[in-house]
Amino acid sequence: MPYDIQSNPHPLPYIRVNFTVQHFDEFYQTYPSVTEGTPMYLAPEDRLLIW
């Protein structure tokens, strides 16, 4: 069954995971190949700081 963005209130699965992990420094420590210029990289000044 295809993912229906019209009726499902949740973000797409890849967004739920990728968006979340790219805000944690531990992600970049675990995957040092994710650097500036790679699709998963998010600049430190653009990362969310909640606490």
N, C-alpha and C. Protein backbone atom coordinates (compact mmCIF):
# COMPACT_ATOMS: atom_id res chain seq x y z
N MET A 1 0.84 -1.18 0.00
CA MET A 1 0.00 0.00 0.00
C MET A 1 0.89 1.24 0.00
N PRO A 2 0.71 2.13 -0.93
CA PRO A 2 1.55 3.33 -0.99
C PRO A 2 1.27 4.27 0.18
N TYR A 3 2.25 5.04 0.51
CA TYR A 3 2.13 6.01 1.61
C TYR A 3 1.28 7.18 1.13
N ASP A 4 0.19 7.45 1.81
CA ASP A 4 -0.73 8.50 1.38
C ASP A 4 -0.55 9.74 2.23
N ILE A 5 0.12 10.75 1.68
CA ILE A 5 0.38 11.97 2.46
C ILE A 5 -0.88 12.80 2.64
N GLN A 6 -1.92 12.51 1.91
CA GLN A 6 -3.17 13.25 2.06
C GLN A 6 -3.94 12.82 3.31
N SER A 7 -3.83 11.55 3.70
CA SER A 7 -4.64 11.05 4.81
C SER A 7 -3.81 10.66 6.04
N ASN A 8 -2.50 10.56 5.92
CA ASN A 8 -1.67 10.16 7.05
C ASN A 8 -1.04 11.41 7.66
N PRO A 9 -1.33 11.71 8.93
CA PRO A 9 -0.81 12.94 9.55
C PRO A 9 0.67 12.88 9.92
N HIS A 10 1.30 11.72 9.83
CA HIS A 10 2.69 11.57 10.22
C HIS A 10 3.62 11.91 9.05
N PRO A 11 4.82 12.40 9.37
CA PRO A 11 5.79 12.65 8.30
C PRO A 11 6.19 11.34 7.63
N LEU A 12 6.72 11.45 6.44
CA LEU A 12 7.23 10.27 5.75
C LEU A 12 8.29 9.59 6.61
N PRO A 13 8.38 8.26 6.56
CA PRO A 13 9.33 7.54 7.43
C PRO A 13 10.77 8.03 7.32
N TYR A 14 11.25 8.31 6.13
CA TYR A 14 12.65 8.74 6.03
C TYR A 14 12.86 10.11 6.67
N ILE A 15 11.84 10.93 6.71
CA ILE A 15 11.95 12.23 7.35
C ILE A 15 11.96 12.08 8.87
N ARG A 16 11.14 11.16 9.39
CA ARG A 16 11.10 10.94 10.83
C ARG A 16 12.45 10.54 11.38
N VAL A 17 13.21 9.77 10.63
CA VAL A 17 14.52 9.31 11.09
C VAL A 17 15.60 10.30 10.73
N ASN A 18 15.75 10.61 9.45
CA ASN A 18 16.86 11.45 9.01
C ASN A 18 16.84 12.84 9.62
N PHE A 19 15.70 13.46 9.68
CA PHE A 19 15.62 14.81 10.24
C PHE A 19 16.04 14.82 11.70
N THR A 20 15.64 13.80 12.43
CA THR A 20 15.94 13.73 13.85
C THR A 20 17.43 13.52 14.11
N VAL A 21 18.03 12.51 13.50
CA VAL A 21 19.41 12.16 13.83
C VAL A 21 20.40 13.24 13.42
N GLN A 22 20.12 13.99 12.37
CA GLN A 22 21.10 14.97 11.93
C GLN A 22 21.21 16.18 12.86
N HIS A 23 20.44 16.21 13.92
CA HIS A 23 20.53 17.28 14.91
C HIS A 23 21.41 16.92 16.10
N PHE A 24 21.93 15.68 16.13
CA PHE A 24 22.73 15.21 17.27
C PHE A 24 24.20 15.09 16.90
N ASP A 25 25.07 15.64 17.76
CA ASP A 25 26.52 15.52 17.54
C ASP A 25 26.96 14.06 17.50
N GLU A 26 26.28 13.21 18.28
CA GLU A 26 26.64 11.79 18.31
C GLU A 26 26.49 11.14 16.94
N PHE A 27 25.57 11.62 16.15
CA PHE A 27 25.39 11.10 14.79
C PHE A 27 26.65 11.33 13.97
N TYR A 28 27.21 12.53 14.06
CA TYR A 28 28.40 12.87 13.29
C TYR A 28 29.64 12.17 13.84
N GLN A 29 29.66 11.88 15.14
CA GLN A 29 30.76 11.12 15.72
C GLN A 29 30.69 9.66 15.28
N THR A 30 29.49 9.13 15.16
CA THR A 30 29.32 7.74 14.74
C THR A 30 29.59 7.56 13.27
N TYR A 31 29.22 8.55 12.46
CA TYR A 31 29.40 8.49 11.01
C TYR A 31 30.28 9.65 10.56
N PRO A 32 31.59 9.52 10.74
CA PRO A 32 32.49 10.64 10.39
C PRO A 32 32.53 10.95 8.90
N SER A 33 31.99 10.07 8.07
CA SER A 33 31.98 10.36 6.63
C SER A 33 30.88 11.36 6.26
N VAL A 34 29.98 11.65 7.20
CA VAL A 34 28.94 12.66 6.96
C VAL A 34 29.56 14.02 7.28
N THR A 35 29.93 14.72 6.24
CA THR A 35 30.60 16.00 6.40
C THR A 35 29.91 17.03 5.51
N GLU A 36 30.36 18.26 5.62
CA GLU A 36 29.79 19.33 4.81
C GLU A 36 29.83 18.94 3.33
N GLY A 37 28.70 19.09 2.67
CA GLY A 37 28.60 18.73 1.27
C GLY A 37 27.91 17.39 1.03
N THR A 38 27.75 16.58 2.08
CA THR A 38 27.02 15.33 1.94
C THR A 38 25.55 15.57 2.28
N PRO A 39 24.63 14.80 1.70
CA PRO A 39 23.20 15.07 1.87
C PRO A 39 22.69 15.06 3.32
N MET A 40 23.28 14.25 4.18
CA MET A 40 22.78 14.16 5.55
C MET A 40 23.37 15.22 6.48
N TYR A 41 24.33 15.99 6.00
CA TYR A 41 24.99 16.98 6.85
C TYR A 41 24.09 18.18 7.12
N LEU A 42 24.09 18.61 8.37
CA LEU A 42 23.37 19.82 8.77
C LEU A 42 24.35 20.67 9.57
N ALA A 43 24.56 21.89 9.14
CA ALA A 43 25.53 22.76 9.80
C ALA A 43 25.16 22.96 11.26
N PRO A 44 26.16 23.03 12.15
CA PRO A 44 25.88 23.18 13.58
C PRO A 44 24.96 24.35 13.91
N GLU A 45 25.10 25.45 13.20
CA GLU A 45 24.24 26.62 13.49
C GLU A 45 22.79 26.40 13.07
N ASP A 46 22.54 25.39 12.27
CA ASP A 46 21.17 25.08 11.84
C ASP A 46 20.51 23.97 12.65
N ARG A 47 21.26 23.35 13.55
CA ARG A 47 20.73 22.26 14.37
C ARG A 47 19.89 22.81 15.50
N LEU A 48 18.86 22.06 15.86
CA LEU A 48 17.96 22.47 16.93
C LEU A 48 18.60 22.20 18.30
N LEU A 49 18.47 23.15 19.19
CA LEU A 49 18.92 22.98 20.57
C LEU A 49 17.70 23.19 21.46
N ILE A 50 17.24 22.13 22.06
CA ILE A 50 16.03 22.22 22.86
C ILE A 50 16.35 22.45 24.34
N TRP A 51 17.36 21.75 24.86
CA TRP A 51 17.71 21.92 26.26
C TRP A 51 19.07 22.52 26.39
